[in-house]
PDB file of N, CA and C in Angstrom:
ATOM      1  N   MET A   1       0.845  -1.183   0.000  1.00  0.00           N
ATOM      2  CA  MET A   1       0.000   0.000   0.000  1.00  0.00           C
ATOM      3  C   MET A   1       0.886   1.241   0.000  1.00  0.00           C
ATOM      4  N   GLU A   2       0.593   2.169  -0.866  1.00  0.00           N
ATOM      5  CA  GLU A   2       1.358   3.405  -0.938  1.00  0.00           C
ATOM      6  C   GLU A   2       0.633   4.520  -0.217  1.00  0.00           C
ATOM      7  N   TYR A   3       1.396   5.329   0.457  1.00  0.00           N
ATOM      8  CA  TYR A   3       0.884   6.499   1.146  1.00  0.00           C
ATOM      9  C   TYR A   3       1.451   7.742   0.464  1.00  0.00           C
ATOM     10  N   ARG A   4       1.048   8.898   0.953  1.00  0.00           N
ATOM     11  CA  ARG A   4       1.561  10.149   0.406  1.00  0.00           C
ATOM     12  C   ARG A   4       2.020  11.068   1.525  1.00  0.00           C
ATOM     13  N   CYS A   5       3.033  11.853   1.208  1.00  0.00           N
ATOM     14  CA  CYS A   5       3.500  12.884   2.125  1.00  0.00           C
ATOM     15  C   CYS A   5       2.442  13.988   2.163  1.00  0.00           C
ATOM     16  N   ILE A   6       2.079  14.448   3.357  1.00  0.00           N
ATOM     17  CA  ILE A   6       1.055  15.485   3.441  1.00  0.00           C
ATOM     18  C   ILE A   6       1.630  16.875   3.207  1.00  0.00           C
ATOM     19  N   GLN A   7       2.954  16.979   3.111  1.00  0.00           N
ATOM     20  CA  GLN A   7       3.586  18.266   2.814  1.00  0.00           C
ATOM     21  C   GLN A   7       3.611  18.531   1.305  1.00  0.00           C
ATOM     22  N   CYS A   8       4.120  17.541   0.533  1.00  0.00           N
ATOM     23  CA  CYS A   8       4.328  17.762  -0.903  1.00  0.00           C
ATOM     24  C   CYS A   8       3.542  16.804  -1.797  1.00  0.00           C
ATOM     25  N   GLY A   9       2.934  15.753  -1.239  1.00  0.00           N
ATOM     26  CA  GLY A   9       2.144  14.816  -2.042  1.00  0.00           C
ATOM     27  C   GLY A   9       2.957  13.701  -2.677  1.00  0.00           C
ATOM     28  N   PHE A  10       4.236  13.607  -2.375  1.00  0.00           N
ATOM     29  CA  PHE A  10       5.106  12.577  -2.941  1.00  0.00           C
ATOM     30  C   PHE A  10       4.717  11.209  -2.383  1.00  0.00           C
ATOM     31  N   ARG A  11       4.740  10.201  -3.232  1.00  0.00           N
ATOM     32  CA  ARG A  11       4.367   8.841  -2.802  1.00  0.00           C
ATOM     33  C   ARG A  11       5.491   8.216  -1.977  1.00  0.00           C
ATOM     34  N   ILE A  12       5.099   7.582  -0.865  1.00  0.00           N
ATOM     35  CA  ILE A  12       6.054   6.862  -0.023  1.00  0.00           C
ATOM     36  C   ILE A  12       5.465   5.498   0.303  1.00  0.00           C
ATOM     37  N   LYS A  13       6.334   4.556   0.676  1.00  0.00           N
ATOM     38  CA  LYS A  13       5.878   3.185   0.916  1.00  0.00           C
ATOM     39  C   LYS A  13       5.286   2.981   2.300  1.00  0.00           C
ATOM     40  N   THR A  14       5.851   3.643   3.294  1.00  0.00           N
ATOM     41  CA  THR A  14       5.357   3.463   4.657  1.00  0.00           C
ATOM     42  C   THR A  14       5.468   4.790   5.409  1.00  0.00           C
ATOM     43  N   LEU A  15       4.610   4.971   6.387  1.00  0.00           N
ATOM     44  CA  LEU A  15       4.595   6.209   7.161  1.00  0.00           C
ATOM     45  C   LEU A  15       5.455   6.118   8.412  1.00  0.00           C
ATOM     46  N   PHE A  16       5.695   4.904   8.898  1.00  0.00           N
ATOM     47  CA  PHE A  16       6.490   4.728  10.117  1.00  0.00           C
ATOM     48  C   PHE A  16       7.115   3.350  10.130  1.00  0.00           C
ATOM     49  N   VAL A  17       8.130   3.204  10.985  1.00  0.00           N
ATOM     50  CA  VAL A  17       8.759   1.911  11.244  1.00  0.00           C
ATOM     51  C   VAL A  17       8.537   1.610  12.717  1.00  0.00           C
ATOM     52  N   GLN A  18       8.032   0.414  13.012  1.00  0.00           N
ATOM     53  CA  GLN A  18       7.764   0.033  14.395  1.00  0.00           C
ATOM     54  C   GLN A  18       8.884  -0.887  14.867  1.00  0.00           C
ATOM     55  N   TYR A  19       9.642  -0.434  15.866  1.00  0.00           N
ATOM     56  CA  TYR A  19      10.741  -1.217  16.422  1.00  0.00           C
ATOM     57  C   TYR A  19      10.250  -2.177  17.496  1.00  0.00           C
ATOM     58  N   SER A  20       9.324  -1.713  18.312  1.00  0.00           N
ATOM     59  CA  SER A  20       8.697  -2.555  19.333  1.00  0.00           C
ATOM     60  C   SER A  20       7.337  -1.927  19.632  1.00  0.00           C
ATOM     61  N   PRO A  21       6.455  -2.619  20.346  1.00  0.00           N
ATOM     62  CA  PRO A  21       5.154  -2.019  20.639  1.00  0.00           C
ATOM     63  C   PRO A  21       5.313  -0.684  21.380  1.00  0.00           C
ATOM     64  N   GLY A  22       4.751   0.349  20.814  1.00  0.00           N
ATOM     65  CA  GLY A  22       4.838   1.678  21.407  1.00  0.00           C
ATOM     66  C   GLY A  22       6.092   2.441  21.028  1.00  0.00           C
ATOM     67  N   ASN A  23       6.972   1.843  20.244  1.00  0.00           N
ATOM     68  CA  ASN A  23       8.217   2.492  19.838  1.00  0.00           C
ATOM     69  C   ASN A  23       8.247   2.560  18.311  1.00  0.00           C
ATOM     70  N   ILE A  24       7.846   3.716  17.780  1.00  0.00           N
ATOM     71  CA  ILE A  24       7.816   3.879  16.323  1.00  0.00           C
ATOM     72  C   ILE A  24       8.706   5.052  15.932  1.00  0.00           C
ATOM     73  N   ARG A  25       9.096   5.049  14.674  1.00  0.00           N
ATOM     74  CA  ARG A  25       9.854   6.158  14.103  1.00  0.00           C
ATOM     75  C   ARG A  25       9.123   6.609  12.848  1.00  0.00           C
ATOM     76  N   LEU A  26       8.770   7.899  12.810  1.00  0.00           N
ATOM     77  CA  LEU A  26       8.079   8.434  11.648  1.00  0.00           C
ATOM     78  C   LEU A  26       9.049   8.562  10.493  1.00  0.00           C
ATOM     79  N   MET A  27       8.599   8.196   9.305  1.00  0.00           N
ATOM     80  CA  MET A  27       9.453   8.249   8.120  1.00  0.00           C
ATOM     81  C   MET A  27       9.464   9.662   7.546  1.00  0.00           C
ATOM     82  N   LYS A  28      10.595  10.013   6.941  1.00  0.00           N
ATOM     83  CA  LYS A  28      10.722  11.308   6.279  1.00  0.00           C
ATOM     84  C   LYS A  28      10.511  11.124   4.788  1.00  0.00           C
ATOM     85  N   CYS A  29       9.960  12.148   4.170  1.00  0.00           N
ATOM     86  CA  CYS A  29       9.720  12.138   2.732  1.00  0.00           C
ATOM     87  C   CYS A  29      11.057  12.284   2.004  1.00  0.00           C
ATOM     88  N   GLU A  30      11.237  11.518   0.945  1.00  0.00           N
ATOM     89  CA  GLU A  30      12.466  11.611   0.168  1.00  0.00           C
ATOM     90  C   GLU A  30      12.520  12.892  -0.652  1.00  0.00           C
ATOM     91  N   ASN A  31      11.367  13.451  -0.938  1.00  0.00           N
ATOM     92  CA  ASN A  31      11.302  14.642  -1.786  1.00  0.00           C
ATOM     93  C   ASN A  31      11.537  15.930  -1.002  1.00  0.00           C
ATOM     94  N   CYS A  32      10.775  16.150   0.066  1.00  0.00           N
ATOM     95  CA  CYS A  32      10.851  17.419   0.806  1.00  0.00           C
ATOM     96  C   CYS A  32      11.625  17.308   2.121  1.00  0.00           C
ATOM     97  N   LYS A  33      12.046  16.105   2.490  1.00  0.00           N
ATOM     98  CA  LYS A  33      12.853  15.848   3.693  1.00  0.00           C
ATOM     99  C   LYS A  33      12.164  16.195   5.010  1.00  0.00           C
ATOM    100  N   SER A  34      10.838  16.295   5.021  1.00  0.00           N
ATOM    101  CA  SER A  34      10.104  16.521   6.265  1.00  0.00           C
ATOM    102  C   SER A  34       9.373  15.237   6.648  1.00  0.00           C
ATOM    103  N   VAL A  35       8.820  15.216   7.854  1.00  0.00           N
ATOM    104  CA  VAL A  35       8.059  14.052   8.301  1.00  0.00           C
ATOM    105  C   VAL A  35       6.869  13.880   7.361  1.00  0.00           C
ATOM    106  N   ALA A  36       6.682  12.674   6.865  1.00  0.00           N
ATOM    107  CA  ALA A  36       5.672  12.428   5.829  1.00  0.00           C
ATOM    108  C   ALA A  36       4.249  12.687   6.329  1.00  0.00           C
ATOM    109  N   ASP A  37       3.919  12.226   7.522  1.00  0.00           N
ATOM    110  CA  ASP A  37       2.571  12.420   8.058  1.00  0.00           C
ATOM    111  C   ASP A  37       2.623  12.384   9.571  1.00  0.00           C
ATOM    112  N   GLU A  38       2.696  13.567  10.185  1.00  0.00           N
ATOM    113  CA  GLU A  38       2.790  13.622  11.645  1.00  0.00           C
ATOM    114  C   GLU A  38       1.464  13.342  12.330  1.00  0.00           C
ATOM    115  N   TYR A  39       0.366  13.313  11.579  1.00  0.00           N
ATOM    116  CA  TYR A  39      -0.945  13.073  12.170  1.00  0.00           C
ATOM    117  C   TYR A  39      -1.166  11.611  12.569  1.00  0.00           C
ATOM    118  N   ILE A  40      -0.318  10.696  12.129  1.00  0.00           N
ATOM    119  CA  ILE A  40      -0.548   9.286  12.469  1.00  0.00           C
ATOM    120  C   ILE A  40      -0.336   9.017  13.953  1.00  0.00           C
ATOM    121  N   GLU A  41       0.417   9.888  14.634  1.00  0.00           N
ATOM    122  CA  GLU A  41       0.595   9.687  16.070  1.00  0.00           C
ATOM    123  C   GLU A  41      -0.296  10.601  16.900  1.00  0.00           C
ATOM    124  N   CYS A  42      -1.135  11.406  16.245  1.00  0.00           N
ATOM    125  CA  CYS A  42      -2.053  12.303  16.957  1.00  0.00           C
ATOM    126  C   CYS A  42      -3.362  11.583  17.267  1.00  0.00           C
ATOM    127  N   GLU A  43      -4.012  12.043  18.309  1.00  0.00           N
ATOM    128  CA  GLU A  43      -5.326  11.505  18.629  1.00  0.00           C
ATOM    129  C   GLU A  43      -6.357  12.051  17.650  1.00  0.00           C
ATOM    130  N   LEU A  44      -7.479  11.365  17.566  1.00  0.00           N
ATOM    131  CA  LEU A  44      -8.536  11.740  16.633  1.00  0.00           C
ATOM    132  C   LEU A  44      -9.044  13.155  16.899  1.00  0.00           C
ATOM    133  N   MET A  45      -9.102  13.559  18.153  1.00  0.00           N
ATOM    134  CA  MET A  45      -9.610  14.890  18.494  1.00  0.00           C
ATOM    135  C   MET A  45      -8.727  15.989  17.909  1.00  0.00           C
ATOM    136  N   ILE A  46      -7.414  15.794  17.916  1.00  0.00           N
ATOM    137  CA  ILE A  46      -6.494  16.777  17.333  1.00  0.00           C
ATOM    138  C   ILE A  46      -6.735  16.893  15.840  1.00  0.00           C
ATOM    139  N   VAL A  47      -6.916  15.755  15.175  1.00  0.00           N
ATOM    140  CA  VAL A  47      -7.184  15.767  13.737  1.00  0.00           C
ATOM    141  C   VAL A  47      -8.509  16.469  13.456  1.00  0.00           C
ATOM    142  N   LEU A  48      -9.538  16.206  14.252  1.00  0.00           N
ATOM    143  CA  LEU A  48     -10.840  16.854  14.058  1.00  0.00           C
ATOM    144  C   LEU A  48     -10.749  18.361  14.270  1.00  0.00           C
ATOM    145  N   ILE A  49      -9.993  18.805  15.257  1.00  0.00           N
ATOM    146  CA  ILE A  49      -9.826  20.239  15.483  1.00  0.00           C
ATOM    147  C   ILE A  49      -9.128  20.883  14.290  1.00  0.00           C
ATOM    148  N   ASP A  50      -8.095  20.227  13.771  1.00  0.00           N
ATOM    149  CA  ASP A  50      -7.398  20.770  12.604  1.00  0.00           C
ATOM    150  C   ASP A  50      -8.282  20.758  11.362  1.00  0.00           C
ATOM    151  N   LEU A  51      -9.179  19.782  11.262  1.00  0.00           N
ATOM    152  CA  LEU A  51     -10.132  19.778  10.145  1.00  0.00           C
ATOM    153  C   LEU A  51     -11.111  20.941  10.278  1.00  0.00           C
ATOM    154  N   ILE A  52     -11.568  21.215  11.489  1.00  0.00           N
ATOM    155  CA  ILE A  52     -12.472  22.348  11.712  1.00  0.00           C
ATOM    156  C   ILE A  52     -11.773  23.657  11.394  1.00  0.00           C
ATOM    157  N   LEU A  53     -10.472  23.733  11.688  1.00  0.00           N
ATOM    158  CA  LEU A  53      -9.692  24.938  11.390  1.00  0.00           C
ATOM    159  C   LEU A  53      -9.271  25.012   9.922  1.00  0.00           C
ATOM    160  N   HIS A  54      -9.707  24.048   9.118  1.00  0.00           N
ATOM    161  CA  HIS A  54      -9.441  23.992   7.674  1.00  0.00           C
ATOM    162  C   HIS A  54      -7.953  23.954   7.360  1.00  0.00           C
ATOM    163  N   LYS A  55      -7.203  23.153   8.097  1.00  0.00           N
ATOM    164  CA  LYS A  55      -5.782  22.996   7.807  1.00  0.00           C
ATOM    165  C   LYS A  55      -5.617  21.983   6.679  1.00  0.00           C
ATOM    166  N   PRO A  56      -4.960  22.373   5.586  1.00  0.00           N
ATOM    167  CA  PRO A  56      -4.836  21.478   4.431  1.00  0.00           C
ATOM    168  C   PRO A  56      -4.130  20.166   4.745  1.00  0.00           C
ATOM    169  N   LYS A  57      -3.145  20.183   5.642  1.00  0.00           N
ATOM    170  CA  LYS A  57      -2.429  18.947   5.971  1.00  0.00           C
ATOM    171  C   LYS A  57      -3.348  17.925   6.634  1.00  0.00           C
ATOM    172  N   ALA A  58      -4.307  18.389   7.420  1.00  0.00           N
ATOM    173  CA  ALA A  58      -5.247  17.466   8.054  1.00  0.00           C
ATOM    174  C   ALA A  58      -6.152  16.816   7.001  1.00  0.00           C
ATOM    175  N   TYR A  59      -6.588  17.598   6.017  1.00  0.00           N
ATOM    176  CA  TYR A  59      -7.398  17.035   4.937  1.00  0.00           C
ATOM    177  C   TYR A  59      -6.583  16.054   4.102  1.00  0.00           C
ATOM    178  N   ARG A  60      -5.329  16.392   3.824  1.00  0.00           N
ATOM    179  CA  ARG A  60      -4.472  15.473   3.064  1.00  0.00           C
ATOM    180  C   ARG A  60      -4.257  14.174   3.829  1.00  0.00           C
ATOM    181  N   HIS A  61      -4.073  14.275   5.149  1.00  0.00           N
ATOM    182  CA  HIS A  61      -3.915  13.066   5.968  1.00  0.00           C
ATOM    183  C   HIS A  61      -5.153  12.191   5.851  1.00  0.00           C
ATOM    184  N   LEU A  62      -6.311  12.812   5.973  1.00  0.00           N
ATOM    185  CA  LEU A  62      -7.563  12.057   5.927  1.00  0.00           C
ATOM    186  C   LEU A  62      -7.774  11.417   4.560  1.00  0.00           C
ATOM    187  N   LEU A  63      -7.597  12.183   3.495  1.00  0.00           N
ATOM    188  CA  LEU A  63      -7.899  11.677   2.152  1.00  0.00           C
ATOM    189  C   LEU A  63      -6.817  10.754   1.598  1.00  0.00           C
ATOM    190  N   TYR A  64      -5.537  11.055   1.846  1.00  0.00           N
ATOM    191  CA  TYR A  64      -4.462  10.247   1.275  1.00  0.00           C
ATOM    192  C   TYR A  64      -4.113   9.026   2.111  1.00  0.00           C
ATOM    193  N   ASN A  65      -4.048   9.177   3.422  1.00  0.00           N
ATOM    194  CA  ASN A  65      -3.462   8.129   4.250  1.00  0.00           C
ATOM    195  C   ASN A  65      -4.445   7.400   5.150  1.00  0.00           C
ATOM    196  N   VAL A  66      -5.661   7.888   5.269  1.00  0.00           N
ATOM    197  CA  VAL A  66      -6.651   7.185   6.088  1.00  0.00           C
ATOM    198  C   VAL A  66      -7.690   6.509   5.200  1.00  0.00           C
ATOM    199  N   LEU A  67      -8.264   7.270   4.285  1.00  0.00           N
ATOM    200  CA  LEU A  67      -9.318   6.722   3.428  1.00  0.00           C
ATOM    201  C   LEU A  67      -8.783   6.078   2.151  1.00  0.00           C
ATOM    202  N   TYR A  68      -7.478   6.133   1.948  1.00  0.00           N
ATOM    203  CA  TYR A  68      -6.884   5.600   0.720  1.00  0.00           C
ATOM    204  C   TYR A  68      -6.943   4.077   0.707  1.00  0.00           C
ATOM    205  N   GLN A  69      -7.374   3.523  -0.422  1.00  0.00           N
ATOM    206  CA  GLN A  69      -7.391   2.068  -0.588  1.00  0.00           C
ATOM    207  C   GLN A  69      -6.415   1.713  -1.692  1.00  0.00           C
ATOM    208  N   GLN A  70      -5.886   0.506  -1.647  1.00  0.00           N
ATOM    209  CA  GLN A  70      -4.877   0.105  -2.621  1.00  0.00           C
ATOM    210  C   GLN A  70      -5.439   0.109  -4.049  1.00  0.00           C
ATOM    211  N   SER A  71      -6.623  -0.411  -4.226  1.00  0.00           N
ATOM    212  CA  SER A  71      -7.229  -0.421  -5.557  1.00  0.00           C
ATOM    213  C   SER A  71      -8.442   0.514  -5.543  1.00  0.00           C
ATOM    214  N   THR A  72      -8.182   1.777  -5.812  1.00  0.00           N
ATOM    215  CA  THR A  72      -9.265   2.749  -5.816  1.00  0.00           C
ATOM    216  C   THR A  72     -10.070   2.563  -7.096  1.00  0.00           C
ATOM    217  N   HIS A  73     -11.347   2.360  -6.947  1.00  0.00           N
ATOM    218  CA  HIS A  73     -12.219   2.257  -8.096  1.00  0.00           C
ATOM    219  C   HIS A  73     -13.237   3.386  -8.031  1.00  0.00           C
ATOM    220  N   PHE A  74     -14.052   3.492  -9.016  1.00  0.00           N
ATOM    221  CA  PHE A  74     -14.945   4.639  -9.141  1.00  0.00           C
ATOM    222  C   PHE A  74     -15.880   4.781  -7.952  1.00  0.00           C
ATOM    223  N   GLN A  75     -16.443   3.678  -7.475  1.00  0.00           N
ATOM    224  CA  GLN A  75     -17.376   3.767  -6.354  1.00  0.00           C
ATOM    225  C   GLN A  75     -16.681   4.287  -5.099  1.00  0.00           C
ATOM    226  N   GLY A  76     -15.474   3.823  -4.818  1.00  0.00           N
ATOM    227  CA  GLY A  76     -14.735   4.311  -3.665  1.00  0.00           C
ATOM    228  C   GLY A  76     -14.402   5.786  -3.798  1.00  0.00           C
ATOM    229  N   LEU A  77     -14.028   6.190  -4.992  1.00  0.00           N
ATOM    230  CA  LEU A  77     -13.724   7.600  -5.230  1.00  0.00           C
ATOM    231  C   LEU A  77     -14.972   8.457  -5.072  1.00  0.00           C
ATOM    232  N   LEU A  78     -16.101   7.940  -5.521  1.00  0.00           N
ATOM    233  CA  LEU A  78     -17.359   8.658  -5.375  1.00  0.00           C
ATOM    234  C   LEU A  78     -17.719   8.844  -3.901  1.00  0.00           C
ATOM    235  N   TRP A  79     -17.572   7.787  -3.100  1.00  0.00           N
ATOM    236  CA  TRP A  79     -17.888   7.889  -1.672  1.00  0.00           C
ATOM    237  C   TRP A  79     -16.961   8.864  -0.969  1.00  0.00           C
ATOM    238  N   LYS A  80     -15.674   8.842  -1.325  1.00  0.00           N
ATOM    239  CA  LYS A  80     -14.727   9.778  -0.722  1.00  0.00           C
ATOM    240  C   LYS A  80     -15.087  11.215  -1.075  1.00  0.00           C
ATOM    241  N   SER A  81     -15.461  11.436  -2.326  1.00  0.00           N
ATOM    242  CA  SER A  81     -15.831  12.780  -2.756  1.00  0.00           C
ATOM    243  C   SER A  81     -17.091  13.259  -2.040  1.00  0.00           C
ATOM    244  N   LEU A  82     -18.081  12.392  -1.938  1.00  0.00           N
ATOM    245  CA  LEU A  82     -19.309  12.767  -1.238  1.00  0.00           C
ATOM    246  C   LEU A  82     -19.043  13.029   0.238  1.00  0.00           C
ATOM    247  N   PHE A  83     -18.229  12.211   0.866  1.00  0.00           N
ATOM    248  CA  PHE A  83     -17.884  12.418   2.263  1.00  0.00           C
ATOM    249  C   PHE A  83     -17.187  13.771   2.440  1.00  0.00           C
ATOM    250  N   GLY A  84     -16.224  14.059   1.586  1.00  0.00           N
ATOM    251  CA  GLY A  84     -15.523  15.328   1.671  1.00  0.00           C
ATOM    252  C   GLY A  84     -16.441  16.515   1.459  1.00  0.00           C
ATOM    253  N   PHE A  85     -17.347  16.411   0.484  1.00  0.00           N
ATOM    254  CA  PHE A  85     -18.267  17.508   0.195  1.00  0.00           C
ATOM    255  C   PHE A  85     -19.217  17.738   1.366  1.00  0.00           C
ATOM    256  N   PHE A  86     -19.830  16.688   1.896  1.00  0.00           N
ATOM    257  CA  PHE A  86     -20.772  16.856   2.996  1.00  0.00           C
ATOM    258  C   PHE A  86     -20.075  17.324   4.275  1.00  0.00           C
ATOM    259  N   PHE A  87     -18.849  16.866   4.489  1.00  0.00           N
ATOM    260  CA  PHE A  87     -18.107  17.330   5.653  1.00  0.00           C
ATOM    261  C   PHE A  87     -17.783  18.817   5.505  1.00  0.00           C
ATOM    262  N   TRP A  88     -17.399  19.233   4.300  1.00  0.00           N
ATOM    263  CA  TRP A  88     -17.128  20.644   4.035  1.00  0.00           C
ATOM    264  C   TRP A  88     -18.398  21.477   4.231  1.00  0.00           C
ATOM    265  N   MET A  89     -19.535  20.985   3.753  1.00  0.00           N
ATOM    266  CA  MET A  89     -20.806  21.699   3.930  1.00  0.00           C
ATOM    267  C   MET A  89     -21.159  21.812   5.414  1.00  0.00           C
ATOM    268  N   PHE A  90     -20.987  20.727   6.148  1.00  0.00           N
ATOM    269  CA  PHE A  90     -21.270  20.749   7.580  1.00  0.00           C
ATOM    270  C   PHE A  90     -20.407  21.789   8.279  1.00  0.00           C
ATOM    271  N   LEU A  91     -19.119  21.823   7.971  1.00  0.00           N
ATOM    272  CA  LEU A  91     -18.233  22.800   8.605  1.00  0.00           C
ATOM    273  C   LEU A  91     -18.590  24.232   8.208  1.00  0.00           C
ATOM    274  N   SER A  92     -18.992  24.438   6.963  1.00  0.00           N
ATOM    275  CA  SER A  92     -19.374  25.780   6.519  1.00  0.00           C
ATOM    276  C   SER A  92     -20.638  26.252   7.239  1.00  0.00           C
ATOM    277  N   ILE A  93     -21.614  25.380   7.358  1.00  0.00           N
ATOM    278  CA  ILE A  93     -22.855  25.742   8.052  1.00  0.00           C
ATOM    279  C   ILE A  93     -22.579  26.001   9.529  1.00  0.00           C
ATOM    280  N   LEU A  94     -21.762  25.143  10.146  1.00  0.00           N
ATOM    281  CA  LEU A  94     -21.409  25.334  11.548  1.00  0.00           C
ATOM    282  C   LEU A  94     -20.672  26.652  11.750  1.00  0.00           C
ATOM    283  N   GLU A  95     -19.793  26.981  10.835  1.00  0.00           N
ATOM    284  CA  GLU A  95     -19.057  28.242  10.922  1.00  0.00           C
ATOM    285  C   GLU A  95     -19.999  29.438  10.836  1.00  0.00           C
ATOM    286  N   GLN A  96     -20.983  29.388   9.943  1.00  0.00           N
ATOM    287  CA  GLN A  96     -21.947  30.474   9.807  1.00  0.00           C
ATOM    288  C   GLN A  96     -22.820  30.603  11.057  1.00  0.00           C
ATOM    289  N   ILE A  97     -23.230  29.480  11.616  1.00  0.00           N
ATOM    290  CA  ILE A  97     -24.056  29.517  12.826  1.00  0.00           C
ATOM    291  C   ILE A  97     -23.280  30.148  13.979  1.00  0.00           C
ATOM    292  N   LEU A  98     -22.036  29.726  14.147  1.00  0.00           N
ATOM    293  CA  LEU A  98     -21.219  30.281  15.223  1.00  0.00           C
ATOM    294  C   LEU A  98     -20.938  31.757  15.004  1.00  0.00           C
ATOM    295  N   LEU A  99     -20.685  32.150  13.768  1.00  0.00           N
ATOM    296  CA  LEU A  99     -20.416  33.555  13.457  1.00  0.00           C
ATOM    297  C   LEU A  99     -21.654  34.409  13.721  1.00  0.00           C
ATOM    298  N   ASN A 100     -22.821  33.938  13.296  1.00  0.00           N
ATOM    299  CA  ASN A 100     -24.063  34.680  13.517  1.00  0.00           C
ATOM    300  C   ASN A 100     -24.389  34.806  15.000  1.00  0.00           C
ATOM    301  N   SER A 101     -24.188  33.733  15.758  1.00  0.00           N
ATOM    302  CA  SER A 101     -24.469  33.811  17.191  1.00  0.00           C
ATOM    303  C   SER A 101     -23.489  34.746  17.890  1.00  0.00           C
ATOM    304  N   TYR A 102     -22.242  34.784  17.433  1.00  0.00           N
ATOM    305  CA  TYR A 102     -21.259  35.700  18.010  1.00  0.00           C
ATOM    306  C   TYR A 102     -21.639  37.150  17.712  1.00  0.00           C
ATOM    307  N   VAL A 103     -22.077  37.441  16.493  1.00  0.00           N
ATOM    308  CA  VAL A 103     -22.490  38.797  16.125  1.00  0.00           C
ATOM    309  C   VAL A 103     -23.711  39.211  16.945  1.00  0.00           C
ATOM    310  N   LEU A 104     -24.684  38.319  17.101  1.00  0.00           N
ATOM    311  CA  LEU A 104     -25.857  38.630  17.909  1.00  0.00           C
ATOM    312  C   LEU A 104     -25.485  38.895  19.362  1.00  0.00           C
ATOM    313  N   LEU A 105     -24.550  38.145  19.887  1.00  0.00           N
ATOM    314  CA  LEU A 105     -24.093  38.353  21.258  1.00  0.00           C
ATOM    315  C   LEU A 105     -23.447  39.728  21.409  1.00  0.00           C
ATOM    316  N   ILE A 106     -22.615  40.105  20.477  1.00  0.00           N
ATOM    317  CA  ILE A 106     -21.950  41.408  20.525  1.00  0.00           C
ATOM    318  C   ILE A 106     -22.978  42.536  20.413  1.00  0.00           C
ATOM    319  N   LEU A 107     -23.942  42.375  19.503  1.00  0.00           N
ATOM    320  CA  LEU A 107     -24.958  43.418  19.338  1.00  0.00           C
ATOM    321  C   LEU A 107     -25.818  43.575  20.579  1.00  0.00           C
ATOM    322  N   THR A 108     -26.167  42.482  21.212  1.00  0.00           N
ATOM    323  CA  THR A 108     -26.971  42.587  22.433  1.00  0.00           C
ATOM    324  C   THR A 108     -26.173  43.198  23.580  1.00  0.00           C
ATOM    325  N   LEU A 109     -24.886  42.898  23.634  1.00  0.00           N
ATOM    326  CA  LEU A 109     -24.054  43.504  24.676  1.00  0.00           C
ATOM    327  C   LEU A 109     -23.955  45.013  24.489  1.00  0.00           C
ATOM    328  N   PHE A 110     -23.784  45.446  23.241  1.00  0.00           N
ATOM    329  CA  PHE A 110     -23.676  46.872  22.972  1.00  0.00           C
ATOM    330  C   PHE A 110     -25.017  47.594  23.105  1.00  0.00           C
ATOM    331  N   SER A 111     -26.103  46.922  22.786  1.00  0.00           N
ATOM    332  CA  SER A 111     -27.407  47.564  22.899  1.00  0.00           C
ATOM    333  C   SER A 111     -27.827  47.729  24.369  1.00  0.00           C
ATOM    334  N   ASN A 112     -27.337  46.851  25.240  1.00  0.00           N
ATOM    335  CA  ASN A 112     -27.668  46.932  26.653  1.00  0.00           C
ATOM    336  C   ASN A 112     -26.736  47.864  27.425  1.00  0.00           C
ATOM    337  N   SER A 113     -25.639  48.270  26.808  1.00  0.00           N
ATOM    338  CA  SER A 113     -24.690  49.135  27.509  1.00  0.00           C
ATOM    339  C   SER A 113     -24.841  50.567  27.024  1.00  0.00           C
ATOM    340  N   SER A 114     -24.130  51.457  27.685  1.00  0.00           N
ATOM    341  CA  SER A 114     -24.206  52.876  27.322  1.00  0.00           C
ATOM    342  C   SER A 114     -23.266  53.228  26.176  1.00  0.00           C
ATOM    343  N   ILE A 115     -22.425  52.265  25.769  1.00  0.00           N
ATOM    344  CA  ILE A 115     -21.492  52.507  24.668  1.00  0.00           C
ATOM    345  C   ILE A 115     -22.237  52.349  23.348  1.00  0.00           C
ATOM    346  N   SER A 116     -22.065  53.288  22.461  1.00  0.00           N
ATOM    347  CA  SER A 116     -22.727  53.192  21.164  1.00  0.00           C
ATOM    348  C   SER A 116     -21.698  52.875  20.088  1.00  0.00           C
ATOM    349  N   LEU A 117     -22.156  52.234  19.058  1.00  0.00           N
ATOM    350  CA  LEU A 117     -21.267  51.873  17.956  1.00  0.00           C
ATOM    351  C   LEU A 117     -21.058  53.007  17.041  1.00  0.00           C
TER     352      LEU A 117
END
């Protein structure tokens, strides 16, 4: 199974070498000389936070090294695309809801105080 570097997209054979249980070494990309995928040792919550913050490396980790299958066929590609689109829509809607509630909070604070805008 081939993986990809989340920095430059270069194909690599493995993301880490395991010497003993709990003792791994992350592989470096031959192209850009950086760690190929540092998210493999992160907890799921860290990856989800980075996805919410729209960090491209987190999306590359998810699409290239987590959801990647050895023999990608059209149906698998379709499901990955739909998952990515709906996840992007969910994050966009959530961002708008949070932004609107923050604006309403600020407006109510200013309307209740003696400070005018």
